[in-house]
Amino acid sequence: MNMSRRDFVKLCAGSAAGLGVAEMFHPAVRDVLAATLTGERPPVFWVQGQGCTGCTVSLLNNIHPGIAEVLLKIISLDYQPTIMAAEGAQAFRYLLDKANEYAGRFIYIVEGSIPVRAGGRYCVVGEVDHHEYTVAETSEILGRNAAVTIAVGTCSAYGGVPAATGQRTGAVSVRDFFHGRGIATPVINVPGCPPHPDWMVGTLALLLDAVGRNGLQDGIAATLRDLDENGRPKIFYPNTHLTCPYLPAYAGGHFSSSFTDKTHCRFELGCKGPWSGCDSAKRGWNGDVNWCIANALCVGCTQPGFPDSASPFYRKRA
C-alpha cells in the first residue's frame, strides 16, 4: 500500500470494465468486483443498534460500483431496516425465520453498539407477537447462528460514541458482547465514524469471493487471517500516517498554526494521524473529492478507544 497515488491508480485501472472508475479499490478488491459473483450467495442480515445510521448513509453513497450494483450483483442483502421497503412485525419476523432457515450459513452485520443495561431496552429493534426484541437479544440469536459477523462502524467495532465516558446504557462493542455471552462466532471489524463505503463493500466482496472459492468455513478462515490486531482487514487499514501527503512536513517539523494554512502538517492542531490506521489519504471521500485532513484533521475514528482516546480533538496529543 505504500506507493504513489499515480502508481496505485495504474494498478487498479487494468480490468475495470463494467464498473466505471474502479481505481479507488485495491487491485485484489477490483478483481473481485470486475466479475459478477455467481452461484448461491450467503444471505446478509444488517441490524442497526445504538448509533446514528451514519454507516448506512455512507454505504448508500458508494460510487464505484453504485449501490444498486452492490445490492443486485455483489451481495444478497436480505434485511436492512433503512433500505428495505417492508417494516414492522412482518419484516422482523422474516428476519428471524430466514436466519433460522440459514442457520450457520448467513452473514450478520451490526451497525451501532449494543447496550446491555436495563435488559438491553435502551435499543429495541423489532417487535413480533407483542414481544420487543432488543439489539442485545437479536444479536444473541443471530450472533450464535451466523457463519461470521461484521461489525460496521466504530460504535459496533469498539463501542464508539455510545460507550464513551458518561454513558449510562452499558454500550459495548460486538466483540465484547459476544465474549460476555460466550458466543464463538468470528467478528470482522470495519471501523470508522462512519467507514468509507469502499471499506464496507470491499470487505463483503472479499469475504464472499473467499467463500465462493474455498467454501464457507475455509473462506471465512482465509479472510480472518488477513485481519490486523484490531480485527480490521489489513487491505483497508494500513498505517495511514505513512501515506499522508503532509508526512514530509511532519518529518521536517513544519506545522500549521491554523486550519487556513494547508501547506504544513496539522499535528500541533491536534491531528491524530500518527496513531490512526486507514487508507483515507489514498482513497478519498465523496467520490474522491476530498479527505479528512484536506479541510480539518484526523480525529482517530478508526482506532479502539475513540472518542475518549482522541479527546480533546483539537489539542496536540502528548
C-alpha atoms as a PDB file:
ATOM      1  CA  MET A   1       0.000   0.000   0.000  1.00  0.00           C
ATOM      2  CA  ASN A   2       2.984   2.334   0.299  1.00  0.00           C
ATOM      3  CA  MET A   3       3.033   3.561  -3.283  1.00  0.00           C
ATOM      4  CA  SER A   4       2.343   6.819  -5.056  1.00  0.00           C
ATOM      5  CA  ARG A   5      -1.235   7.657  -5.935  1.00  0.00           C
ATOM      6  CA  ARG A   6      -0.362   7.523  -9.633  1.00  0.00           C
ATOM      7  CA  ASP A   7       1.065   4.002  -9.286  1.00  0.00           C
ATOM      8  CA  PHE A   8      -1.957   2.980  -7.210  1.00  0.00           C
ATOM      9  CA  VAL A   9      -4.334   4.213  -9.928  1.00  0.00           C
ATOM     10  CA  LYS A  10      -2.341   2.386 -12.621  1.00  0.00           C
ATOM     11  CA  LEU A  11      -2.571  -0.867 -10.722  1.00  0.00           C
ATOM     12  CA  CYS A  12      -6.310  -0.537 -10.220  1.00  0.00           C
ATOM     13  CA  ALA A  13      -7.256   0.643 -13.681  1.00  0.00           C
ATOM     14  CA  GLY A  14      -6.429  -2.562 -15.562  1.00  0.00           C
ATOM     15  CA  SER A  15      -9.655  -4.579 -15.561  1.00  0.00           C
ATOM     16  CA  ALA A  16     -12.341  -2.143 -14.553  1.00  0.00           C
ATOM     17  CA  ALA A  17     -14.667  -2.990 -17.448  1.00  0.00           C
ATOM     18  CA  GLY A  18     -18.302  -2.619 -16.491  1.00  0.00           C
ATOM     19  CA  LEU A  19     -17.583  -0.867 -13.211  1.00  0.00           C
ATOM     20  CA  GLY A  20     -16.791   2.668 -14.270  1.00  0.00           C
ATOM     21  CA  VAL A  21     -13.821   4.175 -12.467  1.00  0.00           C
ATOM     22  CA  ALA A  22     -12.615   1.326 -10.247  1.00  0.00           C
ATOM     23  CA  GLU A  23      -9.247   2.783  -9.341  1.00  0.00           C
ATOM     24  CA  MET A  24     -10.451   3.572  -5.828  1.00  0.00           C
ATOM     25  CA  PHE A  25     -10.200  -0.103  -4.950  1.00  0.00           C
ATOM     26  CA  HIS A  26      -7.094  -2.089  -4.156  1.00  0.00           C
ATOM     27  CA  PRO A  27      -6.363  -4.485  -7.082  1.00  0.00           C
ATOM     28  CA  ALA A  28      -7.470  -7.524  -5.052  1.00  0.00           C
ATOM     29  CA  VAL A  29     -10.903  -5.989  -4.493  1.00  0.00           C
ATOM     30  CA  ARG A  30     -11.129  -4.670  -8.045  1.00  0.00           C
ATOM     31  CA  ASP A  31     -10.614  -8.161  -9.441  1.00  0.00           C
ATOM     32  CA  VAL A  32     -13.488  -9.458  -7.326  1.00  0.00           C
ATOM     33  CA  LEU A  33     -15.801  -6.633  -8.396  1.00  0.00           C
ATOM     34  CA  ALA A  34     -14.863  -6.908 -12.065  1.00  0.00           C
ATOM     35  CA  ALA A  35     -16.782 -10.180 -12.340  1.00  0.00           C
ATOM     36  CA  THR A  36     -20.351 -10.710 -11.251  1.00  0.00           C
ATOM     37  CA  LEU A  37     -20.408 -13.049  -8.279  1.00  0.00           C
ATOM     38  CA  THR A  38     -22.323 -16.152  -9.316  1.00  0.00           C
ATOM     39  CA  GLY A  39     -23.843 -19.078  -7.504  1.00  0.00           C
ATOM     40  CA  GLU A  40     -25.646 -19.001  -4.181  1.00  0.00           C
ATOM     41  CA  ARG A  41     -24.551 -16.105  -2.036  1.00  0.00           C
ATOM     42  CA  PRO A  42     -24.946 -16.303   1.759  1.00  0.00           C
ATOM     43  CA  PRO A  43     -27.777 -14.034   2.885  1.00  0.00           C
ATOM     44  CA  VAL A  44     -26.721 -10.875   4.690  1.00  0.00           C
ATOM     45  CA  PHE A  45     -28.739  -9.545   7.633  1.00  0.00           C
ATOM     46  CA  TRP A  46     -27.941  -5.972   8.706  1.00  0.00           C
ATOM     47  CA  VAL A  47     -29.258  -4.838  12.101  1.00  0.00           C
ATOM     48  CA  GLN A  48     -28.899  -1.297  13.457  1.00  0.00           C
ATOM     49  CA  GLY A  49     -28.091  -0.904  17.137  1.00  0.00           C
ATOM     50  CA  GLN A  50     -27.117   2.118  19.184  1.00  0.00           C
ATOM     51  CA  GLY A  51     -25.821   4.570  16.608  1.00  0.00           C
ATOM     52  CA  CYS A  52     -26.700   7.368  14.202  1.00  0.00           C
ATOM     53  CA  THR A  53     -27.281   5.371  10.961  1.00  0.00           C
ATOM     54  CA  GLY A  54     -24.275   7.184   9.503  1.00  0.00           C
ATOM     55  CA  CYS A  55     -22.720   3.901   8.345  1.00  0.00           C
ATOM     56  CA  THR A  56     -25.822   3.130   6.278  1.00  0.00           C
ATOM     57  CA  VAL A  57     -25.749   6.630   4.785  1.00  0.00           C
ATOM     58  CA  SER A  58     -22.094   6.116   3.890  1.00  0.00           C
ATOM     59  CA  LEU A  59     -22.921   2.768   2.264  1.00  0.00           C
ATOM     60  CA  LEU A  60     -25.616   4.411   0.127  1.00  0.00           C
ATOM     61  CA  ASN A  61     -23.004   6.892  -1.109  1.00  0.00           C
ATOM     62  CA  ASN A  62     -20.962   4.097  -2.686  1.00  0.00           C
ATOM     63  CA  ILE A  63     -19.954   5.177  -6.183  1.00  0.00           C
ATOM     64  CA  HIS A  64     -17.683   2.562  -7.779  1.00  0.00           C
ATOM     65  CA  PRO A  65     -19.703   0.372  -8.069  1.00  0.00           C
ATOM     66  CA  GLY A  66     -23.000   2.122  -7.334  1.00  0.00           C
ATOM     67  CA  ILE A  67     -25.229   0.949  -4.515  1.00  0.00           C
ATOM     68  CA  ALA A  68     -27.728  -0.625  -6.958  1.00  0.00           C
ATOM     69  CA  GLU A  69     -24.993  -2.838  -8.396  1.00  0.00           C
ATOM     70  CA  VAL A  70     -23.795  -3.719  -4.909  1.00  0.00           C
ATOM     71  CA  LEU A  71     -27.259  -4.856  -3.849  1.00  0.00           C
ATOM     72  CA  LEU A  72     -28.216  -6.622  -7.080  1.00  0.00           C
ATOM     73  CA  LYS A  73     -24.937  -8.237  -8.136  1.00  0.00           C
ATOM     74  CA  ILE A  74     -22.497  -8.446  -5.222  1.00  0.00           C
ATOM     75  CA  ILE A  75     -24.359  -9.218  -2.011  1.00  0.00           C
ATOM     76  CA  SER A  76     -27.689 -10.735  -1.039  1.00  0.00           C
ATOM     77  CA  LEU A  77     -28.869  -8.149   1.480  1.00  0.00           C
ATOM     78  CA  ASP A  78     -31.998  -9.781   2.899  1.00  0.00           C
ATOM     79  CA  TYR A  79     -32.616  -7.399   5.788  1.00  0.00           C
ATOM     80  CA  GLN A  80     -31.643  -3.756   6.270  1.00  0.00           C
ATOM     81  CA  PRO A  81     -34.215  -1.603   8.088  1.00  0.00           C
ATOM     82  CA  THR A  82     -33.275   1.667   6.360  1.00  0.00           C
ATOM     83  CA  ILE A  83     -33.063   0.362   2.803  1.00  0.00           C
ATOM     84  CA  MET A  84     -35.820  -2.277   2.680  1.00  0.00           C
ATOM     85  CA  ALA A  85     -39.406  -1.380   1.826  1.00  0.00           C
ATOM     86  CA  ALA A  86     -41.005  -3.683   4.397  1.00  0.00           C
ATOM     87  CA  GLU A  87     -41.194  -2.695   8.040  1.00  0.00           C
ATOM     88  CA  GLY A  88     -42.717  -3.624  11.369  1.00  0.00           C
ATOM     89  CA  ALA A  89     -43.554  -7.085  12.675  1.00  0.00           C
ATOM     90  CA  GLN A  90     -43.766  -8.676   9.237  1.00  0.00           C
ATOM     91  CA  ALA A  91     -40.246  -7.590   8.323  1.00  0.00           C
ATOM     92  CA  PHE A  92     -38.736  -8.624  11.648  1.00  0.00           C
ATOM     93  CA  ARG A  93     -40.486 -11.996  11.576  1.00  0.00           C
ATOM     94  CA  TYR A  94     -38.968 -12.521   8.126  1.00  0.00           C
ATOM     95  CA  LEU A  95     -35.527 -11.787   9.590  1.00  0.00           C
ATOM     96  CA  LEU A  96     -35.933 -14.341  12.373  1.00  0.00           C
ATOM     97  CA  ASP A  97     -37.415 -17.004  10.084  1.00  0.00           C
ATOM     98  CA  LYS A  98     -34.760 -16.510   7.405  1.00  0.00           C
ATOM     99  CA  ALA A  99     -31.960 -16.617   9.993  1.00  0.00           C
ATOM    100  CA  ASN A 100     -33.359 -19.875  11.331  1.00  0.00           C
ATOM    101  CA  GLU A 101     -33.599 -21.317   7.812  1.00  0.00           C
ATOM    102  CA  TYR A 102     -29.978 -20.401   7.031  1.00  0.00           C
ATOM    103  CA  ALA A 103     -28.542 -21.154  10.483  1.00  0.00           C
ATOM    104  CA  GLY A 104     -24.759 -21.335  10.279  1.00  0.00           C
ATOM    105  CA  ARG A 105     -24.726 -20.058   6.694  1.00  0.00           C
ATOM    106  CA  PHE A 106     -25.512 -16.328   6.835  1.00  0.00           C
ATOM    107  CA  ILE A 107     -23.521 -13.137   7.411  1.00  0.00           C
ATOM    108  CA  TYR A 108     -24.650 -10.940  10.288  1.00  0.00           C
ATOM    109  CA  ILE A 109     -23.819  -7.225  10.156  1.00  0.00           C
ATOM    110  CA  VAL A 110     -24.216  -4.979  13.182  1.00  0.00           C
ATOM    111  CA  GLU A 111     -24.218  -1.192  12.899  1.00  0.00           C
ATOM    112  CA  GLY A 112     -24.041   0.614  16.234  1.00  0.00           C
ATOM    113  CA  SER A 113     -23.067  -0.557  19.701  1.00  0.00           C
ATOM    114  CA  ILE A 114     -25.063  -2.956  21.872  1.00  0.00           C
ATOM    115  CA  PRO A 115     -26.418  -1.573  25.178  1.00  0.00           C
ATOM    116  CA  VAL A 116     -26.744  -4.212  27.893  1.00  0.00           C
ATOM    117  CA  ARG A 117     -28.065  -2.310  30.915  1.00  0.00           C
ATOM    118  CA  ALA A 118     -31.780  -2.372  31.759  1.00  0.00           C
ATOM    119  CA  GLY A 119     -32.077  -5.664  29.953  1.00  0.00           C
ATOM    120  CA  GLY A 120     -30.882  -4.019  26.760  1.00  0.00           C
ATOM    121  CA  ARG A 121     -34.064  -1.983  26.481  1.00  0.00           C
ATOM    122  CA  TYR A 122     -32.189   1.180  25.570  1.00  0.00           C
ATOM    123  CA  CYS A 123     -32.306  -0.104  21.995  1.00  0.00           C
ATOM    124  CA  VAL A 124     -35.337  -2.053  20.721  1.00  0.00           C
ATOM    125  CA  VAL A 125     -35.038  -3.037  17.057  1.00  0.00           C
ATOM    126  CA  GLY A 126     -38.202  -5.038  16.376  1.00  0.00           C
ATOM    127  CA  GLU A 127     -41.437  -6.483  17.700  1.00  0.00           C
ATOM    128  CA  VAL A 128     -43.200  -9.744  16.923  1.00  0.00           C
ATOM    129  CA  ASP A 129     -46.336 -11.027  18.669  1.00  0.00           C
ATOM    130  CA  HIS A 130     -46.092  -8.210  21.227  1.00  0.00           C
ATOM    131  CA  HIS A 131     -42.536  -9.214  22.161  1.00  0.00           C
ATOM    132  CA  GLU A 132     -39.996  -6.418  21.812  1.00  0.00           C
ATOM    133  CA  TYR A 133     -36.607  -7.551  20.569  1.00  0.00           C
ATOM    134  CA  THR A 134     -33.642  -5.515  21.756  1.00  0.00           C
ATOM    135  CA  VAL A 135     -30.468  -5.368  19.695  1.00  0.00           C
ATOM    136  CA  ALA A 136     -28.854  -7.383  22.501  1.00  0.00           C
ATOM    137  CA  GLU A 137     -31.391 -10.211  22.230  1.00  0.00           C
ATOM    138  CA  THR A 138     -31.326 -10.049  18.438  1.00  0.00           C
ATOM    139  CA  SER A 139     -27.525 -10.227  18.419  1.00  0.00           C
ATOM    140  CA  GLU A 140     -27.639 -13.183  20.806  1.00  0.00           C
ATOM    141  CA  ILE A 141     -29.951 -15.051  18.431  1.00  0.00           C
ATOM    142  CA  LEU A 142     -28.330 -14.088  15.139  1.00  0.00           C
ATOM    143  CA  GLY A 143     -24.789 -13.968  16.516  1.00  0.00           C
ATOM    144  CA  ARG A 144     -24.904 -17.580  17.653  1.00  0.00           C
ATOM    145  CA  ASN A 145     -26.280 -18.785  14.318  1.00  0.00           C
ATOM    146  CA  ALA A 146     -24.216 -16.650  11.936  1.00  0.00           C
ATOM    147  CA  ALA A 147     -21.259 -18.001   9.990  1.00  0.00           C
ATOM    148  CA  VAL A 148     -19.445 -14.709  10.587  1.00  0.00           C
ATOM    149  CA  THR A 149     -20.345 -11.291  11.957  1.00  0.00           C
ATOM    150  CA  ILE A 150     -19.164  -7.946  10.574  1.00  0.00           C
ATOM    151  CA  ALA A 151     -19.091  -5.009  12.995  1.00  0.00           C
ATOM    152  CA  VAL A 152     -19.641  -1.984  10.755  1.00  0.00           C
ATOM    153  CA  GLY A 153     -18.601   1.386  12.164  1.00  0.00           C
ATOM    154  CA  THR A 154     -16.626   2.292  15.274  1.00  0.00           C
ATOM    155  CA  CYS A 155     -19.664   2.022  17.576  1.00  0.00           C
ATOM    156  CA  SER A 156     -20.106  -1.606  16.594  1.00  0.00           C
ATOM    157  CA  ALA A 157     -16.392  -2.409  16.372  1.00  0.00           C
ATOM    158  CA  TYR A 158     -15.194  -0.758  19.594  1.00  0.00           C
ATOM    159  CA  GLY A 159     -18.174   0.828  21.389  1.00  0.00           C
ATOM    160  CA  GLY A 160     -17.640   4.279  19.902  1.00  0.00           C
ATOM    161  CA  VAL A 161     -19.583   7.344  20.991  1.00  0.00           C
ATOM    162  CA  PRO A 162     -22.370   5.439  22.817  1.00  0.00           C
ATOM    163  CA  ALA A 163     -19.706   3.779  25.005  1.00  0.00           C
ATOM    164  CA  ALA A 164     -17.797   6.995  25.752  1.00  0.00           C
ATOM    165  CA  THR A 165     -17.261   8.394  29.242  1.00  0.00           C
ATOM    166  CA  GLY A 166     -20.547   9.358  30.868  1.00  0.00           C
ATOM    167  CA  GLN A 167     -22.720   6.869  29.018  1.00  0.00           C
ATOM    168  CA  ARG A 168     -25.468   5.164  31.049  1.00  0.00           C
ATOM    169  CA  THR A 169     -26.639   2.416  28.718  1.00  0.00           C
ATOM    170  CA  GLY A 170     -23.848  -0.115  29.138  1.00  0.00           C
ATOM    171  CA  ALA A 171     -22.969   0.150  25.451  1.00  0.00           C
ATOM    172  CA  VAL A 172     -20.371  -2.383  24.286  1.00  0.00           C
ATOM    173  CA  SER A 173     -18.810  -3.494  21.035  1.00  0.00           C
ATOM    174  CA  VAL A 174     -19.931  -6.607  19.199  1.00  0.00           C
ATOM    175  CA  ARG A 175     -16.771  -8.494  20.187  1.00  0.00           C
ATOM    176  CA  ASP A 176     -17.185  -7.596  23.859  1.00  0.00           C
ATOM    177  CA  PHE A 177     -20.855  -8.557  23.719  1.00  0.00           C
ATOM    178  CA  PHE A 178     -20.040 -11.916  22.132  1.00  0.00           C
ATOM    179  CA  HIS A 179     -17.284 -12.535  24.669  1.00  0.00           C
ATOM    180  CA  GLY A 180     -19.633 -11.755  27.545  1.00  0.00           C
ATOM    181  CA  ARG A 181     -22.278 -14.135  26.211  1.00  0.00           C
ATOM    182  CA  GLY A 182     -19.874 -16.920  25.241  1.00  0.00           C
ATOM    183  CA  ILE A 183     -20.594 -16.571  21.514  1.00  0.00           C
ATOM    184  CA  ALA A 184     -17.757 -18.023  19.447  1.00  0.00           C
ATOM    185  CA  THR A 185     -18.787 -16.610  16.048  1.00  0.00           C
ATOM    186  CA  PRO A 186     -15.826 -14.746  14.468  1.00  0.00           C
ATOM    187  CA  VAL A 187     -16.090 -10.955  14.144  1.00  0.00           C
ATOM    188  CA  ILE A 188     -14.585  -8.730  11.444  1.00  0.00           C
ATOM    189  CA  ASN A 189     -14.285  -5.064  12.422  1.00  0.00           C
ATOM    190  CA  VAL A 190     -14.804  -2.341   9.814  1.00  0.00           C
ATOM    191  CA  PRO A 191     -14.441   0.797  11.969  1.00  0.00           C
ATOM    192  CA  GLY A 192     -14.821   4.425  11.016  1.00  0.00           C
ATOM    193  CA  CYS A 193     -17.209   7.196  12.014  1.00  0.00           C
ATOM    194  CA  PRO A 194     -18.520   6.418   9.509  1.00  0.00           C
ATOM    195  CA  PRO A 195     -16.482   3.885   7.498  1.00  0.00           C
ATOM    196  CA  HIS A 196     -15.735   4.696   3.880  1.00  0.00           C
ATOM    197  CA  PRO A 197     -18.269   2.837   1.679  1.00  0.00           C
ATOM    198  CA  ASP A 198     -15.379   1.063  -0.066  1.00  0.00           C
ATOM    199  CA  TRP A 199     -14.306  -0.491   3.233  1.00  0.00           C
ATOM    200  CA  MET A 200     -17.741  -1.986   3.791  1.00  0.00           C
ATOM    201  CA  VAL A 201     -18.393  -3.121   0.222  1.00  0.00           C
ATOM    202  CA  GLY A 202     -14.817  -4.277  -0.264  1.00  0.00           C
ATOM    203  CA  THR A 203     -14.789  -6.336   2.929  1.00  0.00           C
ATOM    204  CA  LEU A 204     -18.031  -8.046   1.933  1.00  0.00           C
ATOM    205  CA  ALA A 205     -16.805  -8.644  -1.615  1.00  0.00           C
ATOM    206  CA  LEU A 206     -13.529 -10.187  -0.474  1.00  0.00           C
ATOM    207  CA  LEU A 207     -15.328 -12.360   2.080  1.00  0.00           C
ATOM    208  CA  LEU A 208     -17.878 -13.596  -0.456  1.00  0.00           C
ATOM    209  CA  ASP A 209     -15.159 -14.252  -3.013  1.00  0.00           C
ATOM    210  CA  ALA A 210     -13.136 -16.271  -0.487  1.00  0.00           C
ATOM    211  CA  VAL A 211     -16.260 -18.245   0.431  1.00  0.00           C
ATOM    212  CA  GLY A 212     -17.041 -18.855  -3.229  1.00  0.00           C
ATOM    213  CA  ARG A 213     -13.538 -20.164  -3.928  1.00  0.00           C
ATOM    214  CA  ASN A 214     -12.877 -22.106  -0.739  1.00  0.00           C
ATOM    215  CA  GLY A 215     -16.242 -22.949   0.764  1.00  0.00           C
ATOM    216  CA  LEU A 216     -17.907 -21.293   3.721  1.00  0.00           C
ATOM    217  CA  GLN A 217     -15.660 -22.236   6.634  1.00  0.00           C
ATOM    218  CA  ASP A 218     -12.336 -22.162   4.763  1.00  0.00           C
ATOM    219  CA  GLY A 219     -13.283 -18.897   3.062  1.00  0.00           C
ATOM    220  CA  ILE A 220     -14.063 -17.255   6.389  1.00  0.00           C
ATOM    221  CA  ALA A 221     -10.832 -18.623   7.871  1.00  0.00           C
ATOM    222  CA  ALA A 222      -8.831 -17.182   4.962  1.00  0.00           C
ATOM    223  CA  THR A 223     -10.464 -13.780   5.476  1.00  0.00           C
ATOM    224  CA  LEU A 224      -9.761 -13.822   9.206  1.00  0.00           C
ATOM    225  CA  ARG A 225      -6.054 -14.441   8.555  1.00  0.00           C
ATOM    226  CA  ASP A 226      -5.903 -11.093   6.737  1.00  0.00           C
ATOM    227  CA  LEU A 227      -7.089  -9.061   9.744  1.00  0.00           C
ATOM    228  CA  ASP A 228      -4.819  -6.882  11.880  1.00  0.00           C
ATOM    229  CA  GLU A 229      -4.519  -6.974  15.673  1.00  0.00           C
ATOM    230  CA  ASN A 230      -7.654  -4.836  15.971  1.00  0.00           C
ATOM    231  CA  GLY A 231      -9.736  -7.190  13.843  1.00  0.00           C
ATOM    232  CA  ARG A 232      -9.665  -4.939  10.748  1.00  0.00           C
ATOM    233  CA  PRO A 233      -8.948  -6.024   7.132  1.00  0.00           C
ATOM    234  CA  LYS A 234      -5.322  -5.067   6.542  1.00  0.00           C
ATOM    235  CA  ILE A 235      -6.095  -4.198   2.944  1.00  0.00           C
ATOM    236  CA  PHE A 236      -8.112  -1.139   4.060  1.00  0.00           C
ATOM    237  CA  TYR A 237      -6.406  -0.304   7.354  1.00  0.00           C
ATOM    238  CA  PRO A 238      -2.682   0.216   6.835  1.00  0.00           C
ATOM    239  CA  ASN A 239      -0.589   2.753   8.734  1.00  0.00           C
ATOM    240  CA  THR A 240      -2.313   5.860   7.416  1.00  0.00           C
ATOM    241  CA  HIS A 241       0.484   8.185   8.514  1.00  0.00           C
ATOM    242  CA  LEU A 242       2.909   6.613   6.044  1.00  0.00           C
ATOM    243  CA  THR A 243       0.613   7.671   3.206  1.00  0.00           C
ATOM    244  CA  CYS A 244      -0.214  11.170   4.477  1.00  0.00           C
ATOM    245  CA  PRO A 245       0.766  13.870   1.941  1.00  0.00           C
ATOM    246  CA  TYR A 246       1.877  16.046   4.883  1.00  0.00           C
ATOM    247  CA  LEU A 247       4.396  13.462   6.117  1.00  0.00           C
ATOM    248  CA  PRO A 248       7.438  15.390   4.780  1.00  0.00           C
ATOM    249  CA  ALA A 249       6.258  18.491   6.673  1.00  0.00           C
ATOM    250  CA  TYR A 250       5.772  16.380   9.814  1.00  0.00           C
ATOM    251  CA  ALA A 251       9.275  14.914   9.485  1.00  0.00           C
ATOM    252  CA  GLY A 252      10.731  18.365   8.867  1.00  0.00           C
ATOM    253  CA  GLY A 253       8.946  19.967  11.812  1.00  0.00           C
ATOM    254  CA  HIS A 254       6.840  22.287   9.661  1.00  0.00           C
ATOM    255  CA  PHE A 255       3.493  22.638  11.449  1.00  0.00           C
ATOM    256  CA  SER A 256       0.393  24.702  10.683  1.00  0.00           C
ATOM    257  CA  SER A 257      -0.690  27.271  13.264  1.00  0.00           C
ATOM    258  CA  SER A 258      -4.234  27.497  11.874  1.00  0.00           C
ATOM    259  CA  PHE A 259      -6.599  25.495   9.682  1.00  0.00           C
ATOM    260  CA  THR A 260      -6.301  28.062   6.925  1.00  0.00           C
ATOM    261  CA  ASP A 261      -2.664  27.023   6.472  1.00  0.00           C
ATOM    262  CA  LYS A 262      -2.945  23.988   4.201  1.00  0.00           C
ATOM    263  CA  THR A 263       0.712  23.650   3.326  1.00  0.00           C
ATOM    264  CA  HIS A 264       2.066  22.281   6.608  1.00  0.00           C
ATOM    265  CA  CYS A 265       1.354  19.395   8.986  1.00  0.00           C
ATOM    266  CA  ARG A 266      -1.553  19.789  11.417  1.00  0.00           C
ATOM    267  CA  PHE A 267      -0.093  17.754  14.251  1.00  0.00           C
ATOM    268  CA  GLU A 268       0.160  20.810  16.506  1.00  0.00           C
ATOM    269  CA  LEU A 269      -3.555  21.475  15.949  1.00  0.00           C
ATOM    270  CA  GLY A 270      -4.470  18.033  17.297  1.00  0.00           C
ATOM    271  CA  CYS A 271      -4.234  15.704  14.286  1.00  0.00           C
ATOM    272  CA  LYS A 272      -4.288  12.049  15.417  1.00  0.00           C
ATOM    273  CA  GLY A 273      -2.908  10.700  12.130  1.00  0.00           C
ATOM    274  CA  PRO A 274       0.262   9.154  13.644  1.00  0.00           C
ATOM    275  CA  TRP A 275      -1.897   6.830  15.778  1.00  0.00           C
ATOM    276  CA  SER A 276      -4.599   6.011  13.238  1.00  0.00           C
ATOM    277  CA  GLY A 277      -4.899   3.313  10.615  1.00  0.00           C
ATOM    278  CA  CYS A 278      -6.877   3.537   7.387  1.00  0.00           C
ATOM    279  CA  ASP A 279      -6.230   4.318   3.725  1.00  0.00           C
ATOM    280  CA  SER A 280      -8.255   7.546   3.507  1.00  0.00           C
ATOM    281  CA  ALA A 281      -5.220   9.516   2.310  1.00  0.00           C
ATOM    282  CA  LYS A 282      -5.143   7.410  -0.856  1.00  0.00           C
ATOM    283  CA  ARG A 283      -8.815   6.587  -1.203  1.00  0.00           C
ATOM    284  CA  GLY A 284     -10.527   9.953  -0.807  1.00  0.00           C
ATOM    285  CA  TRP A 285     -14.141  10.545   0.166  1.00  0.00           C
ATOM    286  CA  ASN A 286     -17.272  11.763  -1.632  1.00  0.00           C
ATOM    287  CA  GLY A 287     -16.152  10.389  -4.959  1.00  0.00           C
ATOM    288  CA  ASP A 288     -12.515  11.265  -4.245  1.00  0.00           C
ATOM    289  CA  VAL A 289     -13.381  14.959  -3.866  1.00  0.00           C
ATOM    290  CA  ASN A 290     -11.622  15.295  -0.517  1.00  0.00           C
ATOM    291  CA  TRP A 291     -10.500  13.518   2.625  1.00  0.00           C
ATOM    292  CA  CYS A 292     -10.441  14.289   6.338  1.00  0.00           C
ATOM    293  CA  ILE A 293      -7.234  16.303   6.523  1.00  0.00           C
ATOM    294  CA  ALA A 294      -7.958  18.272   3.369  1.00  0.00           C
ATOM    295  CA  ASN A 295     -10.132  20.652   5.392  1.00  0.00           C
ATOM    296  CA  ALA A 296      -9.827  19.516   9.007  1.00  0.00           C
ATOM    297  CA  LEU A 297      -7.678  16.949  10.827  1.00  0.00           C
ATOM    298  CA  CYS A 298      -7.731  13.281  11.720  1.00  0.00           C
ATOM    299  CA  VAL A 299      -9.608  12.511  14.956  1.00  0.00           C
ATOM    300  CA  GLY A 300      -8.605   8.838  15.034  1.00  0.00           C
ATOM    301  CA  CYS A 301     -12.114   7.469  14.487  1.00  0.00           C
ATOM    302  CA  THR A 302     -10.877   4.088  13.202  1.00  0.00           C
ATOM    303  CA  GLN A 303      -8.981   3.309  16.404  1.00  0.00           C
ATOM    304  CA  PRO A 304     -10.113   1.455  19.548  1.00  0.00           C
ATOM    305  CA  GLY A 305     -10.974   3.855  22.356  1.00  0.00           C
ATOM    306  CA  PHE A 306     -12.473   6.540  20.112  1.00  0.00           C
ATOM    307  CA  PRO A 307     -13.681   9.125  21.059  1.00  0.00           C
ATOM    308  CA  ASP A 308     -12.205   9.158  24.586  1.00  0.00           C
ATOM    309  CA  SER A 309      -8.678   8.235  23.483  1.00  0.00           C
ATOM    310  CA  ALA A 310      -8.660  11.042  20.902  1.00  0.00           C
ATOM    311  CA  SER A 311     -10.243  13.781  23.008  1.00  0.00           C
ATOM    312  CA  PRO A 312      -9.932  16.724  23.004  1.00  0.00           C
ATOM    313  CA  PHE A 313      -9.883  16.567  19.210  1.00  0.00           C
ATOM    314  CA  TYR A 314      -8.188  19.947  18.754  1.00  0.00           C
ATOM    315  CA  ARG A 315      -5.372  19.516  21.242  1.00  0.00           C
ATOM    316  CA  LYS A 316      -1.993  18.020  20.470  1.00  0.00           C
ATOM    317  CA  ARG A 317      -1.567  14.541  21.889  1.00  0.00           C
ATOM    318  CA  ALA A 318       1.370  14.347  24.293  1.00  0.00           C
END
